[in-house]
Amino acid sequence: MEKAEARLLELATMDQRADWVHSTYITGDTELLAADADERAISATVAFAKQATRFDKLALPPELARKMKLLKLSLTLATPADPRRAGN
């Protein structure tokens, strides 16, 4: 969980920076940068949420169980594992 949290924090920071640049300098290039950052963050969250399901039947410490649940609930719609199908 610590590695997942660290990676997701890194990706969220990059995503927010790309969104700020896009909001400040509205161009096709900044739109692509923001979309790429969004895709990386969403893909990582989906991957970590899927990995978290391996622990569903284990009795985890309450704090860790809560983190796993929040990770799985953080997605409103899981995207396909194949990035080529994510937009369809």
C-alpha atoms as a PDB file:
ATOM      1  CA  MET A   1       0.000   0.000   0.000  1.00  0.00           C
ATOM      2  CA  GLU A   2       2.857   2.392   0.761  1.00  0.00           C
ATOM      3  CA  LYS A   3       4.275   1.987  -2.759  1.00  0.00           C
ATOM      4  CA  ALA A   4       0.820   2.468  -4.295  1.00  0.00           C
ATOM      5  CA  GLU A   5       0.181   5.607  -2.234  1.00  0.00           C
ATOM      6  CA  ALA A   6       3.573   7.063  -3.157  1.00  0.00           C
ATOM      7  CA  ARG A   7       3.075   6.365  -6.860  1.00  0.00           C
ATOM      8  CA  LEU A   8      -0.474   7.723  -6.874  1.00  0.00           C
ATOM      9  CA  LEU A   9       0.668  10.889  -5.077  1.00  0.00           C
ATOM     10  CA  GLU A  10       3.399  11.393  -7.667  1.00  0.00           C
ATOM     11  CA  LEU A  11       0.946  10.878 -10.534  1.00  0.00           C
ATOM     12  CA  ALA A  12      -1.705  13.109  -8.940  1.00  0.00           C
ATOM     13  CA  THR A  13       0.854  15.891  -8.528  1.00  0.00           C
ATOM     14  CA  MET A  14       1.892  15.635 -12.168  1.00  0.00           C
ATOM     15  CA  ASP A  15      -1.767  15.485 -13.221  1.00  0.00           C
ATOM     16  CA  GLN A  16      -2.618  18.648 -11.273  1.00  0.00           C
ATOM     17  CA  ARG A  17       0.388  20.458 -12.705  1.00  0.00           C
ATOM     18  CA  ALA A  18      -0.596  19.497 -16.252  1.00  0.00           C
ATOM     19  CA  ASP A  19      -4.180  20.607 -15.578  1.00  0.00           C
ATOM     20  CA  TRP A  20      -2.966  23.959 -14.223  1.00  0.00           C
ATOM     21  CA  VAL A  21      -0.764  24.544 -17.277  1.00  0.00           C
ATOM     22  CA  HIS A  22      -3.667  23.616 -19.549  1.00  0.00           C
ATOM     23  CA  SER A  23      -6.031  25.948 -17.699  1.00  0.00           C
ATOM     24  CA  THR A  24      -3.506  28.778 -17.814  1.00  0.00           C
ATOM     25  CA  TYR A  25      -2.247  28.282 -21.378  1.00  0.00           C
ATOM     26  CA  ILE A  26      -5.114  26.827 -23.362  1.00  0.00           C
ATOM     27  CA  THR A  27      -3.608  25.218 -26.444  1.00  0.00           C
ATOM     28  CA  GLY A  28      -3.848  21.893 -28.218  1.00  0.00           C
ATOM     29  CA  ASP A  29      -0.457  20.919 -26.833  1.00  0.00           C
ATOM     30  CA  THR A  30      -1.379  21.624 -23.225  1.00  0.00           C
ATOM     31  CA  GLU A  31      -4.653  19.756 -23.729  1.00  0.00           C
ATOM     32  CA  LEU A  32      -2.670  16.708 -24.857  1.00  0.00           C
ATOM     33  CA  LEU A  33      -0.303  17.030 -21.901  1.00  0.00           C
ATOM     34  CA  ALA A  34      -3.228  17.174 -19.465  1.00  0.00           C
ATOM     35  CA  ALA A  35      -4.980  14.239 -21.146  1.00  0.00           C
ATOM     36  CA  ASP A  36      -1.795  12.134 -21.005  1.00  0.00           C
ATOM     37  CA  ALA A  37      -1.325  12.918 -17.324  1.00  0.00           C
ATOM     38  CA  ASP A  38      -4.976  12.022 -16.643  1.00  0.00           C
ATOM     39  CA  GLU A  39      -4.572   8.722 -18.492  1.00  0.00           C
ATOM     40  CA  ARG A  40      -1.454   7.793 -16.519  1.00  0.00           C
ATOM     41  CA  ALA A  41      -3.131   8.590 -13.182  1.00  0.00           C
ATOM     42  CA  ILE A  42      -6.324   6.719 -14.045  1.00  0.00           C
ATOM     43  CA  SER A  43      -4.460   3.696 -15.408  1.00  0.00           C
ATOM     44  CA  ALA A  44      -2.325   3.423 -12.289  1.00  0.00           C
ATOM     45  CA  THR A  45      -5.360   3.774 -10.024  1.00  0.00           C
ATOM     46  CA  VAL A  46      -7.174   1.032 -11.953  1.00  0.00           C
ATOM     47  CA  ALA A  47      -4.149  -1.257 -11.730  1.00  0.00           C
ATOM     48  CA  PHE A  48      -3.738  -0.698  -7.994  1.00  0.00           C
ATOM     49  CA  ALA A  49      -7.476  -1.145  -7.370  1.00  0.00           C
ATOM     50  CA  LYS A  50      -7.421  -4.456  -9.235  1.00  0.00           C
ATOM     51  CA  GLN A  51      -4.408  -5.582  -7.219  1.00  0.00           C
ATOM     52  CA  ALA A  52      -6.185  -4.614  -4.002  1.00  0.00           C
ATOM     53  CA  THR A  53      -8.961  -7.119  -4.708  1.00  0.00           C
ATOM     54  CA  ARG A  54      -6.484  -9.925  -3.927  1.00  0.00           C
ATOM     55  CA  PHE A  55      -6.835  -8.987  -0.260  1.00  0.00           C
ATOM     56  CA  ASP A  56     -10.647  -8.920  -0.137  1.00  0.00           C
ATOM     57  CA  LYS A  57     -10.989 -12.100   1.906  1.00  0.00           C
ATOM     58  CA  LEU A  58      -8.192 -11.368   4.359  1.00  0.00           C
ATOM     59  CA  ALA A  59      -8.650  -9.899   7.817  1.00  0.00           C
ATOM     60  CA  LEU A  60      -6.547  -6.762   7.494  1.00  0.00           C
ATOM     61  CA  PRO A  61      -5.790  -4.192  10.167  1.00  0.00           C
ATOM     62  CA  PRO A  62      -8.594  -1.579  10.129  1.00  0.00           C
ATOM     63  CA  GLU A  63      -6.440   1.238   8.727  1.00  0.00           C
ATOM     64  CA  LEU A  64      -5.131  -0.920   5.879  1.00  0.00           C
ATOM     65  CA  ALA A  65      -8.597  -2.325   5.135  1.00  0.00           C
ATOM     66  CA  ARG A  66      -9.934   1.250   4.943  1.00  0.00           C
ATOM     67  CA  LYS A  67      -7.168   2.276   2.545  1.00  0.00           C
ATOM     68  CA  MET A  68      -7.877  -0.725   0.314  1.00  0.00           C
ATOM     69  CA  LYS A  69     -11.581   0.074   0.291  1.00  0.00           C
ATOM     70  CA  LEU A  70     -10.989   3.750  -0.519  1.00  0.00           C
ATOM     71  CA  LEU A  71      -8.640   2.787  -3.326  1.00  0.00           C
ATOM     72  CA  LYS A  72     -11.255   0.510  -4.870  1.00  0.00           C
ATOM     73  CA  LEU A  73     -14.012   3.111  -4.413  1.00  0.00           C
ATOM     74  CA  SER A  74     -11.955   5.951  -5.872  1.00  0.00           C
ATOM     75  CA  LEU A  75     -12.947   4.901  -9.374  1.00  0.00           C
ATOM     76  CA  THR A  76     -16.396   5.617 -10.630  1.00  0.00           C
ATOM     77  CA  LEU A  77     -15.885   3.557 -13.780  1.00  0.00           C
ATOM     78  CA  ALA A  78     -13.038   1.183 -14.452  1.00  0.00           C
ATOM     79  CA  THR A  79     -11.453   1.622 -17.839  1.00  0.00           C
ATOM     80  CA  PRO A  80     -10.484  -1.363 -19.991  1.00  0.00           C
ATOM     81  CA  ALA A  81      -7.058  -2.858 -19.304  1.00  0.00           C
ATOM     82  CA  ASP A  82      -6.162  -2.293 -22.970  1.00  0.00           C
ATOM     83  CA  PRO A  83      -5.462   1.461 -23.434  1.00  0.00           C
ATOM     84  CA  ARG A  84      -6.616   1.208 -27.074  1.00  0.00           C
ATOM     85  CA  ARG A  85     -10.112   0.347 -25.818  1.00  0.00           C
ATOM     86  CA  ALA A  86     -10.230   2.969 -23.037  1.00  0.00           C
ATOM     87  CA  GLY A  87     -11.839   5.603 -25.256  1.00  0.00           C
ATOM     88  CA  ASN A  88     -14.536   3.301 -26.647  1.00  0.00           C
END
